[in-house]
C-alpha cells in the first residue's frame, strides 16, 4: 500500500517524522546546531576512522589516508567572491534573480511569483518492510533559482557542514543534500554557472539555464563546453535511474566509487534522487532508511520505481545514506536514519526566499 500525504503545516516537521528532526535556521539556535558539527563529522566517517586504526600500524599508510579522506584541503577559500569575479568577466554566471519573491506558505509548501514548491509524504509497506519517503515537486519559471552552495563558503576536499546550516547561510527556504563532491577528486563540477572541477569520470546530471535537465557522459565533454552550452549546475554521482520513463537495467549493481572506506550504494539504503517531469518541472525525492518500523530504505530499482510513479521521465541518484536530508522553511522534512540528526556534507542544492 502506498500513501501520499500533504503536510498540515509547512513550517513544521511532518507528523510522522521524529520530533528531534526540527532544526534551527538562525540566531543562537543556529549556533547550537553548529556546536555538534564535529560529532556529526565523525559520525559520517566512522568507517574511515576504523580503517585508519588498522593502517596506523603501518604508520605511513594511516597518515596518507587521514590526509586524503579526513583532512580539509581548500582549493577556493571564498566561493562567493570567486563566483562574483567569474560573473564580472563572463555572462555565463549571471542569473536574472537569485531568490523567490512574493513567497506565501501553503498547506504543503509555498507559492511565489516565479513558481511553486509542493511537498508530500510517501509511505509504502508496513512493519519491518515500511518505506517512508518525502517528495517535493518544484515548478519554476527560471532554472537559475535552483542554486548550489558549498559548506563553509569553500571549495575543496573534506570540507563539510550540515545542510540546514549551509541553507541558512544562503537564505535557503528549501534545500536538499548535493552529490558530496568533496569526498572525491573526480567528476565535472559546475555550480551556479561557474566551473570548479573538470575531471570527467562518470555519468553526470546537467541542469541547463533554459529549464532542461539531462543525463550525460562526462568523459565525452568538458566543464567549459557545458557552460558554453548553457549548463547552470552539474552533479556527479549516479547511476541514472530512468530513461524516457523506463527503469534502466542493471542499476542494482552499479558502483559509483572505489575509494578507501567507501561502502556499496546497493541494498536497502536511505536515498536522495532527482526526477524530471518536464522543462522547469522537477521532483526531488528523499527516502529515509535503516530505521525498522519507520523506514527500511529503498533499493535502487525501488527508488527508480518511486520516481516513475511520480511521473518522471528521467531519474538520477545522488549521495544518500545519512547524507539524505531535505530542509524546508528552517526545519528538517525527513528523519535521517530515524535519529532526527543531520550529518555533515560538502554541498547542497537550494532555493532561496523569505516568506512575505
Protein backbone atom coordinates (compact mmCIF):
# COMPACT_ATOMS: atom_id res chain seq x y z
CA UNK A 1 0.00 0.00 0.00
CA UNK A 2 1.22 3.48 -0.86
CA UNK A 3 0.01 6.72 0.66
CA UNK A 4 0.88 10.32 -0.13
CA UNK A 5 0.03 12.93 2.46
CA UNK A 6 0.34 16.69 2.41
CA UNK A 7 1.92 18.47 5.35
CA UNK A 8 -0.64 20.21 7.53
CA UNK A 9 1.85 22.96 8.45
CA UNK A 10 4.78 23.59 6.08
CA UNK A 11 6.78 25.33 8.79
CA UNK A 12 6.93 22.18 10.91
CA UNK A 13 8.36 18.70 10.56
CA UNK A 14 5.77 16.14 9.25
CA UNK A 15 3.81 14.45 11.99
CA UNK A 16 5.25 11.02 11.29
CA UNK A 17 8.86 12.24 11.43
CA UNK A 18 10.91 12.25 14.60
CA UNK A 19 10.31 15.46 16.61
CA UNK A 20 14.04 15.89 17.08
CA UNK A 21 14.36 16.40 13.33
CA UNK A 22 13.40 20.07 13.64
CA UNK A 23 16.47 22.22 13.01
CA UNK A 24 17.19 25.88 13.76
CA UNK A 25 17.81 28.29 10.93
CA UNK A 26 19.26 31.39 12.53
CA UNK A 27 20.47 33.15 15.67
CA UNK A 28 21.53 31.31 18.80
CA UNK A 29 19.65 28.21 17.67
CA UNK A 30 21.77 28.01 14.53
CA UNK A 31 24.85 28.30 16.70
CA UNK A 32 23.56 25.36 18.69
CA UNK A 33 23.32 23.34 15.50
CA UNK A 34 26.94 24.21 14.73
CA UNK A 35 28.03 23.08 18.19
CA UNK A 36 27.59 19.42 17.36
CA UNK A 37 29.31 19.62 13.99
CA UNK A 38 32.46 17.70 14.95
CA UNK A 39 30.32 14.90 16.34
CA UNK A 40 28.43 14.83 13.06
CA UNK A 41 31.68 14.79 11.09
CA UNK A 42 32.97 11.79 12.98
CA UNK A 43 29.64 10.03 12.61
CA UNK A 44 29.89 10.33 8.85
CA UNK A 45 33.38 8.95 8.85
CA UNK A 46 33.23 6.22 11.47
CA UNK A 47 34.23 3.57 8.94
CA UNK A 48 37.15 5.68 7.81
CA UNK A 49 38.44 6.15 11.34
CA UNK A 50 38.21 2.38 11.81
CA UNK A 51 40.23 1.89 8.66
CA UNK A 52 42.81 4.36 9.86
CA UNK A 53 43.18 2.40 13.07
CA UNK A 54 44.29 -0.60 11.05
CA UNK A 55 46.52 1.43 8.76
CA UNK A 56 48.02 3.20 11.77
CA UNK A 57 50.08 0.11 12.41
CA UNK A 58 51.85 0.83 9.16
CA UNK A 59 52.29 4.48 10.10
CA UNK A 60 52.72 5.97 6.64
CA UNK A 61 49.56 4.33 5.32
CA UNK A 62 47.45 5.78 8.11
CA UNK A 63 48.89 9.25 7.59
CA UNK A 64 48.16 9.12 3.87
CA UNK A 65 44.57 8.01 4.44
CA UNK A 66 43.96 10.72 7.02
CA UNK A 67 45.37 13.38 4.72
CA UNK A 68 43.26 12.24 1.77
CA UNK A 69 39.92 11.35 3.37
CA UNK A 70 39.68 13.36 6.58
CA UNK A 71 41.92 16.43 6.44
CA UNK A 72 40.39 19.51 4.82
CA UNK A 73 42.02 20.66 1.58
CA UNK A 74 40.79 24.08 0.50
CA UNK A 75 41.14 24.95 -3.18
CA UNK A 76 38.97 28.10 -3.14
CA UNK A 77 38.67 29.85 0.21
CA UNK A 78 35.90 32.32 -0.72
CA UNK A 79 33.40 30.83 -3.15
CA UNK A 80 31.13 33.89 -3.10
CA UNK A 81 33.99 36.14 -4.17
CA UNK A 82 35.11 33.61 -6.79
CA UNK A 83 31.65 33.43 -8.35
CA UNK A 84 31.35 37.22 -8.30
CA UNK A 85 34.73 37.50 -10.05
CA UNK A 86 33.67 34.97 -12.68
CA UNK A 87 30.41 36.82 -13.23
CA UNK A 88 32.36 40.04 -13.85
CA UNK A 89 34.24 38.54 -16.80
CA UNK A 90 31.51 36.39 -18.33
CA UNK A 91 27.75 36.38 -18.63
CA UNK A 92 27.57 32.62 -18.01
CA UNK A 93 27.23 33.05 -14.26
CA UNK A 94 24.62 35.83 -14.38
CA UNK A 95 21.11 34.90 -13.24
CA UNK A 96 18.02 37.04 -13.70
CA UNK A 97 17.23 36.62 -10.00
CA UNK A 98 18.68 34.75 -7.04
CA UNK A 99 15.65 34.45 -4.72
CA UNK A 100 11.94 33.79 -4.88
CA UNK A 101 9.77 36.84 -4.42
CA UNK A 102 6.18 37.09 -3.24
CA UNK A 103 6.58 33.92 -1.17
CA UNK A 104 3.45 32.66 0.59
CA UNK A 105 3.27 29.42 2.57
CA UNK A 106 0.56 26.92 1.64
CA UNK A 107 -0.75 23.83 3.38
CA UNK A 108 2.06 21.74 1.95
CA UNK A 109 4.68 24.09 0.54
CA UNK A 110 4.73 27.55 -0.97
CA UNK A 111 3.80 29.67 -3.92
CA UNK A 112 5.87 32.55 -5.27
CA UNK A 113 5.97 34.93 -8.19
CA UNK A 114 8.28 32.52 -10.01
CA UNK A 115 6.52 29.21 -9.29
CA UNK A 116 5.72 26.76 -6.52
CA UNK A 117 7.17 24.13 -4.18
CA UNK A 118 4.89 21.28 -3.10
CA UNK A 119 5.90 18.65 -0.52
CA UNK A 120 4.35 15.24 0.07
CA UNK A 121 4.90 12.24 2.31
CA UNK A 122 5.01 8.77 0.75
CA UNK A 123 4.62 5.60 2.83
CA UNK A 124 4.73 2.09 1.38
CA UNK A 125 4.56 -1.28 3.13
CA UNK A 126 4.28 -1.75 6.85
CA UNK A 127 6.21 -3.04 9.85
CA UNK A 128 9.77 -4.06 9.05
CA UNK A 129 9.03 -3.59 5.33
CA UNK A 130 7.85 0.02 5.61
CA UNK A 131 9.47 2.73 3.49
CA UNK A 132 8.93 6.39 4.33
CA UNK A 133 9.92 8.99 1.77
CA UNK A 134 9.42 12.69 1.14
CA UNK A 135 8.96 14.17 -2.31
CA UNK A 136 8.96 17.77 -3.42
CA UNK A 137 7.58 18.97 -6.74
CA UNK A 138 9.29 22.14 -7.92
CA UNK A 139 7.93 24.26 -10.76
CA UNK A 140 9.96 27.36 -11.58
CA UNK A 141 9.95 29.75 -14.50
CA UNK A 142 13.70 30.30 -14.04
CA UNK A 143 16.01 27.32 -13.57
CA UNK A 144 18.77 29.52 -12.17
CA UNK A 145 16.73 29.94 -8.98
CA UNK A 146 17.83 26.38 -8.20
CA UNK A 147 21.30 27.10 -6.87
CA UNK A 148 24.19 25.25 -5.28
CA UNK A 149 26.13 26.14 -2.13
CA UNK A 150 29.30 24.69 -0.63
CA UNK A 151 29.96 24.07 3.06
CA UNK A 152 31.69 27.00 4.80
CA UNK A 153 31.74 29.00 1.54
CA UNK A 154 34.78 26.97 0.48
CA UNK A 155 35.56 24.53 -2.32
CA UNK A 156 37.86 21.55 -1.80
CA UNK A 157 38.15 18.10 -0.28
CA UNK A 158 36.58 17.02 3.05
CA UNK A 159 35.04 20.42 3.83
CA UNK A 160 31.66 19.75 5.41
CA UNK A 161 28.76 21.26 7.33
CA UNK A 162 25.17 20.16 7.99
CA UNK A 163 22.70 21.01 5.19
CA UNK A 164 20.40 23.15 7.35
CA UNK A 165 23.33 25.35 8.31
CA UNK A 166 24.50 25.74 4.71
CA UNK A 167 20.93 26.58 3.65
CA UNK A 168 20.52 29.13 6.43
CA UNK A 169 23.68 30.96 5.34
CA UNK A 170 22.16 31.42 1.88
CA UNK A 171 18.57 32.20 2.94
CA UNK A 172 17.52 28.83 1.55
CA UNK A 173 13.83 28.25 2.13
CA UNK A 174 14.17 24.76 0.62
CA UNK A 175 17.27 22.59 0.29
CA UNK A 176 18.45 19.06 -0.31
CA UNK A 177 21.87 17.45 0.01
CA UNK A 178 24.08 17.51 -3.08
CA UNK A 179 26.42 14.90 -4.56
CA UNK A 180 29.12 15.22 -1.83
CA UNK A 181 31.66 16.28 -4.42
CA UNK A 182 34.21 16.81 -1.60
CA UNK A 183 34.71 13.10 -0.98
CA UNK A 184 36.22 12.55 -4.42
CA UNK A 185 38.70 14.24 -6.71
CA UNK A 186 36.98 13.26 -9.96
CA UNK A 187 33.88 14.41 -11.77
CA UNK A 188 32.74 17.57 -13.51
CA UNK A 189 31.65 20.23 -11.04
CA UNK A 190 29.81 23.23 -12.47
CA UNK A 191 27.82 25.23 -9.94
CA UNK A 192 25.82 28.41 -10.48
CA UNK A 193 27.28 28.67 -13.97
CA UNK A 194 30.89 28.51 -12.75
CA UNK A 195 33.46 25.76 -13.41
CA UNK A 196 35.02 24.31 -10.24
CA UNK A 197 36.37 20.95 -11.39
CA UNK A 198 36.93 19.31 -14.75
CA UNK A 199 37.91 15.69 -14.19
CA UNK A 200 35.44 13.57 -16.20
CA UNK A 201 34.82 10.15 -14.70
CA UNK A 202 31.19 9.00 -14.73
CA UNK A 203 27.61 9.61 -15.77
CA UNK A 204 26.54 13.07 -14.64
CA UNK A 205 23.41 15.19 -14.48
CA UNK A 206 23.30 18.66 -16.06
CA UNK A 207 20.79 21.40 -15.26
CA UNK A 208 20.51 23.93 -18.09
CA UNK A 209 19.52 27.57 -17.69
CA UNK A 210 16.64 27.04 -20.13
CA UNK A 211 14.99 24.61 -17.71
CA UNK A 212 16.01 21.31 -19.28
CA UNK A 213 17.85 18.62 -17.34
CA UNK A 214 19.88 15.87 -19.00
CA UNK A 215 21.94 12.84 -18.03
CA UNK A 216 25.28 12.94 -19.85
CA UNK A 217 28.59 11.11 -20.16
CA UNK A 218 31.26 13.24 -18.50
CA UNK A 219 34.03 11.58 -20.50
CA UNK A 220 32.69 12.92 -23.80
CA UNK A 221 32.79 16.62 -22.95
CA UNK A 222 34.39 19.24 -20.71
CA UNK A 223 33.19 21.55 -17.97
CA UNK A 224 33.73 24.68 -20.06
CA UNK A 225 31.91 23.17 -23.03
CA UNK A 226 28.92 22.50 -20.79
CA UNK A 227 28.91 26.09 -19.50
CA UNK A 228 29.17 27.39 -23.06
CA UNK A 229 26.13 25.26 -23.92
CA UNK A 230 24.10 26.81 -21.12
CA UNK A 231 24.62 24.43 -18.21
CA UNK A 232 23.96 26.02 -14.82
CA UNK A 233 24.65 23.13 -12.41
CA UNK A 234 26.05 19.63 -12.67
CA UNK A 235 26.01 16.67 -10.30
CA UNK A 236 28.44 13.78 -10.47
CA UNK A 237 27.19 10.64 -8.73
CA UNK A 238 24.59 8.28 -10.25
CA UNK A 239 23.52 5.96 -11.55
CA UNK A 240 20.88 7.21 -13.95
CA UNK A 241 17.59 5.59 -12.93
CA UNK A 242 15.07 6.32 -15.68
CA UNK A 243 15.33 6.84 -19.41
CA UNK A 244 12.19 8.04 -21.20
CA UNK A 245 10.16 6.96 -18.19
CA UNK A 246 11.51 3.40 -18.10
CA UNK A 247 13.67 1.91 -15.36
CA UNK A 248 17.22 1.30 -16.59
CA UNK A 249 18.52 -2.26 -16.37
CA UNK A 250 21.47 -3.05 -14.14
CA UNK A 251 21.12 -0.16 -11.68
CA UNK A 252 21.14 -2.64 -8.80
CA UNK A 253 24.80 -3.46 -9.48
CA UNK A 254 26.36 -0.06 -10.26
CA UNK A 255 29.19 1.18 -8.04
CA UNK A 256 29.96 4.90 -8.06
CA UNK A 257 33.29 4.94 -6.21
CA UNK A 258 36.05 2.56 -5.19
CA UNK A 259 37.62 4.95 -2.69
CA UNK A 260 39.15 3.77 0.57
CA UNK A 261 36.41 3.37 3.18
CA UNK A 262 33.60 3.75 0.63
CA UNK A 263 30.62 1.46 1.01
CA UNK A 264 28.37 -0.04 -1.64
CA UNK A 265 25.41 2.10 -2.69
CA UNK A 266 23.38 -1.07 -3.23
CA UNK A 267 20.86 -2.75 -0.96
CA UNK A 268 18.17 -1.06 1.12
CA UNK A 269 19.54 2.39 1.85
CA UNK A 270 18.48 5.96 2.59
CA UNK A 271 18.41 7.71 -0.78
CA UNK A 272 18.22 11.09 -2.47
CA UNK A 273 17.17 11.24 -6.10
CA UNK A 274 16.17 13.78 -8.73
CA UNK A 275 13.41 13.28 -11.26
CA UNK A 276 12.49 15.30 -14.33
CA UNK A 277 8.86 15.66 -15.37
CA UNK A 278 9.19 18.47 -17.90
CA UNK A 279 11.05 21.68 -18.61
CA UNK A 280 11.35 23.67 -15.34
CA UNK A 281 9.42 20.88 -13.59
CA UNK A 282 11.41 18.70 -11.18
CA UNK A 283 10.85 16.12 -8.46
CA UNK A 284 13.30 15.68 -5.58
CA UNK A 285 12.90 12.52 -3.50
CA UNK A 286 14.44 11.71 -0.12
CA UNK A 287 13.96 8.18 1.24
CA UNK A 288 14.71 7.55 4.91
CA UNK A 289 16.25 4.25 5.98
CA UNK A 290 18.00 1.99 8.47
CA UNK A 291 15.17 2.51 10.96
CA UNK A 292 12.99 -0.59 11.32
CA UNK A 293 9.31 0.14 11.69
CA UNK A 294 9.71 3.65 10.30
CA UNK A 295 11.68 3.17 7.09
CA UNK A 296 14.00 0.40 5.94
CA UNK A 297 15.35 2.31 2.98
CA UNK A 298 14.97 1.55 -0.71
CA UNK A 299 16.89 -0.48 -3.26
CA UNK A 300 17.97 1.26 -6.43
CA UNK A 301 15.17 -0.31 -8.53
CA UNK A 302 12.65 0.68 -5.84
CA UNK A 303 13.94 4.24 -5.95
CA UNK A 304 13.56 4.29 -9.73
CA UNK A 305 10.02 2.92 -9.45
CA UNK A 306 9.07 5.65 -6.99
CA UNK A 307 10.24 8.33 -9.41
CA UNK A 308 8.38 6.60 -12.24
CA UNK A 309 5.21 6.51 -10.14
CA UNK A 310 5.60 10.26 -9.60
CA UNK A 311 5.51 10.79 -13.35
CA UNK A 312 9.20 11.36 -14.02
CA UNK A 313 10.78 10.55 -17.38
CA UNK A 314 14.40 10.99 -16.23
CA UNK A 315 15.78 9.95 -12.85
CA UNK A 316 19.20 10.27 -11.23
CA UNK A 317 20.59 9.05 -7.91
CA UNK A 318 22.83 11.30 -5.79
CA UNK A 319 24.52 10.96 -2.40
CA UNK A 320 22.48 9.00 0.14
CA UNK A 321 22.85 7.21 3.46
CA UNK A 322 22.96 9.55 6.42
CA UNK A 323 23.53 12.43 4.00
CA UNK A 324 19.97 12.24 2.67
CA UNK A 325 18.34 15.38 4.00
CA UNK A 326 15.60 17.75 2.94
CA UNK A 327 15.07 21.12 4.62
CA UNK A 328 12.05 23.39 4.30
CA UNK A 329 11.46 26.76 5.94
CA UNK A 330 14.12 26.18 8.61
CA UNK A 331 13.15 22.64 9.62
CA UNK A 332 14.12 19.13 8.61
CA UNK A 333 11.46 17.49 6.46
CA UNK A 334 12.73 13.93 6.85
CA UNK A 335 14.12 11.93 9.75
CA UNK A 336 17.68 10.85 8.80
CA UNK A 337 18.46 7.31 9.98
CA UNK A 338 15.47 7.58 12.34
CA UNK A 339 17.54 9.77 14.66
CA UNK A 340 16.48 13.23 13.55
CA UNK A 341 20.11 14.27 13.13
CA UNK A 342 21.88 15.67 10.09
CA UNK A 343 25.42 14.76 9.23
CA UNK A 344 28.00 16.89 7.50
CA UNK A 345 28.16 17.06 3.73
CA UNK A 346 30.06 19.18 1.26
CA UNK A 347 27.25 20.80 -0.70
CA UNK A 348 23.55 21.38 -1.16
CA UNK A 349 21.07 22.37 -3.83
CA UNK A 350 18.70 25.05 -2.60
CA UNK A 351 16.13 27.68 -3.46
CA UNK A 352 16.38 30.98 -1.62
CA UNK A 353 13.47 33.10 -0.47
CA UNK A 354 11.69 34.59 2.51
CA UNK A 355 8.04 34.47 3.50
CA UNK A 356 6.38 37.76 2.58
